[in-house]
Amino acid sequence: MTIVETLLVFVGIPLGIIAVLFVAVYGRSLVRQPNRYRPGRSWDYAPSWYVPHPDAVVHAVNPAQSGSSTTAVGGASGEW
């Protein structure tokens, strides 16, 4: 093998594989800028609430209305 063929095999092929992987991973974001929030920008979207179980929030009972007189004890003082 000549020097040119050796360089193509041992340098060209690995660089080609790396280039294909780079385009596969970053290709979409290089073409189109992601539409994400950056600090300092105004927030132009509707607010989103992330609740794992939305039905639990709808059917929740306010403890003040339930009639229970249990008070929480503990906290930073460590008295349980």
Protein backbone atom coordinates (compact mmCIF):
# COMPACT_ATOMS: atom_id res chain seq x y z
CA MET A 1 0.00 0.00 0.00
CA THR A 2 1.15 3.50 -0.72
CA ILE A 3 1.22 6.27 1.87
CA VAL A 4 -1.92 7.83 0.39
CA GLU A 5 -3.84 4.56 0.60
CA THR A 6 -2.62 4.00 4.15
CA LEU A 7 -3.75 7.48 5.20
CA LEU A 8 -7.14 6.96 3.57
CA VAL A 9 -7.65 3.66 5.37
CA PHE A 10 -6.35 4.64 8.81
CA VAL A 11 -7.39 8.32 8.87
CA GLY A 12 -10.09 8.81 6.24
CA ILE A 13 -12.38 5.96 7.25
CA PRO A 14 -12.38 6.78 11.02
CA LEU A 15 -12.98 10.48 10.26
CA GLY A 16 -15.83 9.50 7.94
CA ILE A 17 -17.42 7.35 10.63
CA ILE A 18 -17.06 10.15 13.19
CA ALA A 19 -18.60 12.63 10.72
CA VAL A 20 -21.58 10.34 10.08
CA LEU A 21 -22.15 9.89 13.83
CA PHE A 22 -21.84 13.65 14.42
CA VAL A 23 -24.44 14.42 11.76
CA ALA A 24 -26.73 11.70 13.12
CA VAL A 25 -26.58 13.15 16.64
CA TYR A 26 -26.41 16.91 16.02
CA GLY A 27 -27.82 17.22 12.50
CA ARG A 28 -31.32 18.42 13.34
CA SER A 29 -30.20 21.05 15.82
CA LEU A 30 -27.56 22.37 13.43
CA VAL A 31 -30.18 22.96 10.74
CA ARG A 32 -32.95 24.27 12.99
CA GLN A 33 -32.31 26.16 16.21
CA PRO A 34 -34.18 24.63 19.14
CA ASN A 35 -37.01 26.73 20.47
CA ARG A 36 -36.06 26.67 24.14
CA TYR A 37 -36.11 29.24 26.86
CA ARG A 38 -32.94 31.16 27.57
CA PRO A 39 -32.46 33.30 30.69
CA GLY A 40 -33.35 36.90 29.98
CA ARG A 41 -35.86 36.12 27.24
CA SER A 42 -39.53 36.80 27.72
CA TRP A 43 -41.78 33.78 28.24
CA ASP A 44 -44.33 33.79 25.40
CA TYR A 45 -46.05 30.48 26.11
CA ALA A 46 -48.99 29.34 28.19
CA PRO A 47 -48.07 28.20 31.71
CA SER A 48 -47.62 24.47 32.15
CA TRP A 49 -48.27 22.54 35.34
CA TYR A 50 -46.61 19.18 35.61
CA VAL A 51 -48.73 16.99 37.85
CA PRO A 52 -48.19 13.21 37.85
CA HIS A 53 -51.83 12.42 38.71
CA PRO A 54 -54.18 15.26 37.65
CA ASP A 55 -57.25 13.42 39.00
CA ALA A 56 -55.81 13.51 42.52
CA VAL A 57 -55.58 17.29 42.37
CA VAL A 58 -59.16 17.67 41.19
CA HIS A 59 -60.56 15.37 43.90
CA ALA A 60 -58.34 16.61 46.73
CA VAL A 61 -60.04 17.65 49.94
CA ASN A 62 -58.96 20.75 51.79
CA PRO A 63 -57.84 19.65 55.30
CA ALA A 64 -59.45 22.72 56.85
CA GLN A 65 -62.84 21.65 55.46
CA SER A 66 -62.54 17.98 56.39
CA GLY A 67 -63.11 18.64 60.10
CA SER A 68 -59.97 16.92 61.37
CA SER A 69 -58.23 18.63 64.23
CA THR A 70 -54.88 16.88 63.83
CA THR A 71 -51.96 19.24 63.96
CA ALA A 72 -48.56 18.48 62.54
CA VAL A 73 -45.75 18.10 65.04
CA GLY A 74 -42.06 17.97 64.31
CA GLY A 75 -40.21 20.01 61.79
CA ALA A 76 -36.87 21.63 62.47
CA SER A 77 -37.21 21.27 66.24
CA GLY A 78 -37.23 17.48 65.97
CA GLU A 79 -40.10 17.03 68.47
CA TRP A 80 -42.24 14.19 67.24
